[in-house]
């Protein structure tokens, strides 16, 4: 196991400081443009940068296999703010 030296500690500090300061953190919001009911699936798809159809299919699968998808959708509908 390699020992940490002052150089390796300095390198790790430099790497953590090289985060782009101009980049805004992503926020989870309900979509206003890609919505079927409340925009929850569209907002999740935008956040994770995937197709909204995939998120919708996952919600339908969770509804069919246990019903927890309805509860999760309603909770997200109430908790996630709408995109402005």
N, C-alpha and C. Protein backbone atom coordinates (compact mmCIF):
# COMPACT_ATOMS: atom_id res chain seq x y z
N UNK A 1 0.84 -1.17 0.00
CA UNK A 1 0.00 0.00 0.00
C UNK A 1 0.89 1.24 0.00
N UNK A 2 0.68 2.14 -0.99
CA UNK A 2 1.54 3.32 -1.06
C UNK A 2 1.22 4.31 0.05
N UNK A 3 2.29 4.91 0.54
CA UNK A 3 2.12 5.91 1.58
C UNK A 3 1.80 7.26 0.95
N UNK A 4 1.03 8.05 1.65
CA UNK A 4 0.74 9.39 1.17
C UNK A 4 1.89 10.31 1.51
N UNK A 5 2.32 11.03 0.54
CA UNK A 5 3.38 12.01 0.76
C UNK A 5 2.77 13.40 0.65
N UNK A 6 3.58 14.38 0.90
CA UNK A 6 3.09 15.75 0.80
C UNK A 6 2.65 16.07 -0.61
N UNK A 7 3.36 15.53 -1.64
CA UNK A 7 3.00 15.78 -3.02
C UNK A 7 1.63 15.20 -3.35
N UNK A 8 1.36 13.98 -2.91
CA UNK A 8 0.08 13.36 -3.24
C UNK A 8 -1.06 14.08 -2.54
N UNK A 9 -0.81 14.59 -1.34
CA UNK A 9 -1.84 15.36 -0.64
C UNK A 9 -2.07 16.69 -1.35
N UNK A 10 -1.03 17.30 -1.85
CA UNK A 10 -1.15 18.57 -2.56
C UNK A 10 -1.89 18.35 -3.88
N UNK A 11 -1.62 17.23 -4.56
CA UNK A 11 -2.30 16.93 -5.82
C UNK A 11 -3.79 16.73 -5.60
N UNK A 12 -4.15 16.01 -4.53
CA UNK A 12 -5.58 15.80 -4.27
C UNK A 12 -6.28 17.10 -3.92
N UNK A 13 -5.58 18.00 -3.25
CA UNK A 13 -6.15 19.31 -2.93
C UNK A 13 -6.34 20.12 -4.20
N UNK A 14 -5.38 20.07 -5.11
CA UNK A 14 -5.49 20.79 -6.37
C UNK A 14 -6.64 20.26 -7.20
N UNK A 15 -6.84 18.95 -7.21
CA UNK A 15 -7.93 18.35 -7.98
C UNK A 15 -9.28 18.79 -7.44
N UNK A 16 -9.41 18.86 -6.12
CA UNK A 16 -10.69 19.26 -5.55
C UNK A 16 -10.96 20.75 -5.75
N UNK A 17 -9.93 21.54 -5.94
CA UNK A 17 -10.10 22.97 -6.16
C UNK A 17 -10.39 23.29 -7.62
N UNK A 18 -10.22 22.34 -8.53
CA UNK A 18 -10.42 22.57 -9.95
C UNK A 18 -11.88 22.38 -10.37
N UNK A 19 -12.80 22.41 -9.45
CA UNK A 19 -14.21 22.31 -9.78
C UNK A 19 -14.64 23.63 -10.40
N UNK A 20 -15.42 23.55 -11.47
CA UNK A 20 -15.81 24.75 -12.17
C UNK A 20 -16.76 25.59 -11.31
N UNK A 21 -16.36 26.79 -10.93
CA UNK A 21 -17.20 27.61 -10.06
C UNK A 21 -18.43 28.18 -10.77
N UNK A 22 -18.39 28.30 -12.12
CA UNK A 22 -19.49 28.89 -12.87
C UNK A 22 -20.66 27.93 -13.03
N UNK A 23 -20.42 26.66 -12.81
CA UNK A 23 -21.44 25.66 -13.02
C UNK A 23 -22.44 25.68 -11.86
N UNK A 24 -23.72 25.88 -12.18
CA UNK A 24 -24.75 25.88 -11.15
C UNK A 24 -25.10 24.43 -10.81
N UNK A 25 -25.38 24.15 -9.56
CA UNK A 25 -25.80 22.79 -9.21
C UNK A 25 -27.17 22.51 -9.81
N UNK A 26 -27.34 21.26 -10.27
CA UNK A 26 -28.62 20.88 -10.84
C UNK A 26 -29.65 20.75 -9.73
N UNK A 27 -30.87 21.14 -10.05
CA UNK A 27 -31.96 21.02 -9.09
C UNK A 27 -33.05 20.18 -9.71
N UNK A 28 -33.65 19.35 -8.89
CA UNK A 28 -34.76 18.53 -9.33
C UNK A 28 -36.02 19.37 -9.31
N UNK A 29 -36.64 19.55 -10.49
CA UNK A 29 -37.87 20.32 -10.62
C UNK A 29 -38.84 19.56 -11.52
N UNK A 30 -40.12 19.78 -11.31
CA UNK A 30 -41.11 19.20 -12.20
C UNK A 30 -41.08 19.94 -13.53
N UNK A 31 -41.18 19.21 -14.61
CA UNK A 31 -41.10 19.80 -15.94
C UNK A 31 -42.40 20.52 -16.29
N UNK A 32 -42.27 21.66 -16.95
CA UNK A 32 -43.45 22.36 -17.43
C UNK A 32 -43.70 22.09 -18.90
N UNK A 33 -42.67 21.66 -19.61
CA UNK A 33 -42.80 21.42 -21.04
C UNK A 33 -43.06 19.95 -21.38
N UNK A 34 -42.50 19.04 -20.62
CA UNK A 34 -42.63 17.61 -20.93
C UNK A 34 -43.41 16.95 -19.80
N UNK A 35 -44.73 17.14 -19.82
CA UNK A 35 -45.55 16.61 -18.74
C UNK A 35 -46.76 15.89 -19.31
N UNK A 36 -47.15 14.86 -18.59
CA UNK A 36 -48.38 14.15 -18.91
C UNK A 36 -49.44 14.48 -17.84
N UNK A 37 -49.06 14.34 -16.57
CA UNK A 37 -49.98 14.64 -15.47
C UNK A 37 -49.45 15.83 -14.70
N UNK A 38 -48.34 15.65 -14.00
CA UNK A 38 -47.82 16.73 -13.16
C UNK A 38 -46.39 17.13 -13.50
N UNK A 39 -45.75 16.45 -14.43
CA UNK A 39 -44.39 16.78 -14.83
C UNK A 39 -43.31 16.12 -13.99
N UNK A 40 -43.69 15.16 -13.14
CA UNK A 40 -42.71 14.48 -12.28
C UNK A 40 -41.75 13.65 -13.12
N UNK A 41 -42.28 12.83 -14.01
CA UNK A 41 -41.40 11.97 -14.83
C UNK A 41 -40.53 12.80 -15.77
N UNK A 42 -41.09 13.86 -16.34
CA UNK A 42 -40.31 14.75 -17.19
C UNK A 42 -39.19 15.44 -16.43
N UNK A 43 -39.48 15.84 -15.21
CA UNK A 43 -38.46 16.49 -14.38
C UNK A 43 -37.36 15.53 -13.98
N UNK A 44 -37.73 14.29 -13.61
CA UNK A 44 -36.72 13.29 -13.29
C UNK A 44 -35.86 12.98 -14.51
N UNK A 45 -36.49 12.91 -15.68
CA UNK A 45 -35.74 12.63 -16.91
C UNK A 45 -34.76 13.75 -17.23
N UNK A 46 -35.17 14.99 -17.04
CA UNK A 46 -34.26 16.12 -17.27
C UNK A 46 -33.10 16.08 -16.28
N UNK A 47 -33.39 15.76 -15.03
CA UNK A 47 -32.36 15.74 -13.99
C UNK A 47 -31.31 14.67 -14.28
N UNK A 48 -31.76 13.47 -14.68
CA UNK A 48 -30.84 12.37 -14.94
C UNK A 48 -30.41 12.29 -16.40
N UNK A 49 -30.89 13.23 -17.22
CA UNK A 49 -30.52 13.31 -18.63
C UNK A 49 -30.82 12.01 -19.38
N UNK A 50 -32.06 11.53 -19.21
CA UNK A 50 -32.52 10.34 -19.94
C UNK A 50 -33.87 10.65 -20.58
N UNK A 51 -34.36 9.73 -21.40
CA UNK A 51 -35.62 9.90 -22.08
C UNK A 51 -36.78 9.79 -21.08
N UNK A 52 -37.75 10.70 -21.13
CA UNK A 52 -38.87 10.65 -20.18
C UNK A 52 -39.70 9.37 -20.30
N UNK A 53 -39.71 8.78 -21.48
CA UNK A 53 -40.47 7.54 -21.66
C UNK A 53 -39.93 6.43 -20.76
N UNK A 54 -38.64 6.40 -20.58
CA UNK A 54 -38.03 5.38 -19.71
C UNK A 54 -38.50 5.58 -18.27
N UNK A 55 -38.52 6.83 -17.80
CA UNK A 55 -38.96 7.11 -16.44
C UNK A 55 -40.44 6.75 -16.29
N UNK A 56 -41.24 7.07 -17.29
CA UNK A 56 -42.67 6.73 -17.23
C UNK A 56 -42.87 5.22 -17.18
N UNK A 57 -42.11 4.48 -17.96
CA UNK A 57 -42.23 3.02 -17.95
C UNK A 57 -41.83 2.45 -16.59
N UNK A 58 -40.83 3.03 -15.97
CA UNK A 58 -40.42 2.58 -14.62
C UNK A 58 -41.54 2.84 -13.63
N UNK A 59 -42.20 3.99 -13.71
CA UNK A 59 -43.32 4.27 -12.81
C UNK A 59 -44.47 3.29 -13.06
N UNK A 60 -44.78 3.01 -14.31
CA UNK A 60 -45.85 2.06 -14.62
C UNK A 60 -45.50 0.68 -14.09
N UNK A 61 -44.24 0.27 -14.24
CA UNK A 61 -43.82 -1.04 -13.73
C UNK A 61 -43.95 -1.11 -12.21
N UNK A 62 -43.61 -0.02 -11.52
CA UNK A 62 -43.73 -0.04 -10.06
C UNK A 62 -45.20 -0.04 -9.62
N UNK A 63 -46.07 0.54 -10.42
CA UNK A 63 -47.50 0.50 -10.11
C UNK A 63 -48.02 -0.92 -10.28
N UNK A 64 -47.61 -1.57 -11.36
CA UNK A 64 -48.10 -2.92 -11.64
C UNK A 64 -47.53 -3.96 -10.69
N UNK A 65 -46.30 -3.76 -10.24
CA UNK A 65 -45.65 -4.74 -9.37
C UNK A 65 -45.56 -4.24 -7.93
N UNK A 66 -46.69 -3.90 -7.36
CA UNK A 66 -46.69 -3.55 -5.96
C UNK A 66 -47.44 -2.28 -5.61
N UNK A 67 -47.63 -1.39 -6.54
CA UNK A 67 -48.40 -0.19 -6.28
C UNK A 67 -47.65 0.95 -5.62
N UNK A 68 -46.37 0.79 -5.34
CA UNK A 68 -45.63 1.87 -4.67
C UNK A 68 -45.35 3.04 -5.61
N UNK A 69 -45.50 2.84 -6.90
CA UNK A 69 -45.27 3.92 -7.86
C UNK A 69 -46.26 5.05 -7.70
N UNK A 70 -47.49 4.73 -7.38
CA UNK A 70 -48.51 5.77 -7.18
C UNK A 70 -48.15 6.63 -5.97
N UNK A 71 -47.76 5.98 -4.90
CA UNK A 71 -47.39 6.70 -3.69
C UNK A 71 -46.16 7.58 -3.95
N UNK A 72 -45.16 7.02 -4.62
CA UNK A 72 -43.95 7.78 -4.93
C UNK A 72 -44.27 8.98 -5.82
N UNK A 73 -45.14 8.78 -6.82
CA UNK A 73 -45.50 9.86 -7.73
C UNK A 73 -46.19 11.00 -6.98
N UNK A 74 -47.14 10.65 -6.10
CA UNK A 74 -47.87 11.68 -5.34
C UNK A 74 -46.93 12.42 -4.40
N UNK A 75 -46.01 11.69 -3.76
CA UNK A 75 -45.05 12.35 -2.86
C UNK A 75 -44.15 13.29 -3.65
N UNK A 76 -43.65 12.84 -4.81
CA UNK A 76 -42.81 13.71 -5.63
C UNK A 76 -43.59 14.90 -6.18
N UNK A 77 -44.86 14.69 -6.51
CA UNK A 77 -45.71 15.77 -7.00
C UNK A 77 -45.81 16.87 -5.95
N UNK A 78 -45.96 16.47 -4.70
CA UNK A 78 -46.10 17.44 -3.61
C UNK A 78 -44.76 18.05 -3.18
N UNK A 79 -43.69 17.28 -3.25
CA UNK A 79 -42.41 17.72 -2.70
C UNK A 79 -41.51 18.45 -3.69
N UNK A 80 -41.60 18.13 -4.96
CA UNK A 80 -40.69 18.71 -5.97
C UNK A 80 -41.32 19.97 -6.53
N UNK A 81 -40.60 21.09 -6.52
CA UNK A 81 -41.17 22.34 -7.03
C UNK A 81 -41.25 22.32 -8.55
N UNK A 82 -42.17 23.12 -9.09
CA UNK A 82 -42.32 23.23 -10.53
C UNK A 82 -41.22 24.13 -11.10
N UNK A 83 -40.74 23.79 -12.27
CA UNK A 83 -39.69 24.57 -12.92
C UNK A 83 -40.23 25.94 -13.31
N UNK A 84 -39.45 26.97 -13.08
CA UNK A 84 -39.92 28.34 -13.39
C UNK A 84 -39.29 28.86 -14.62
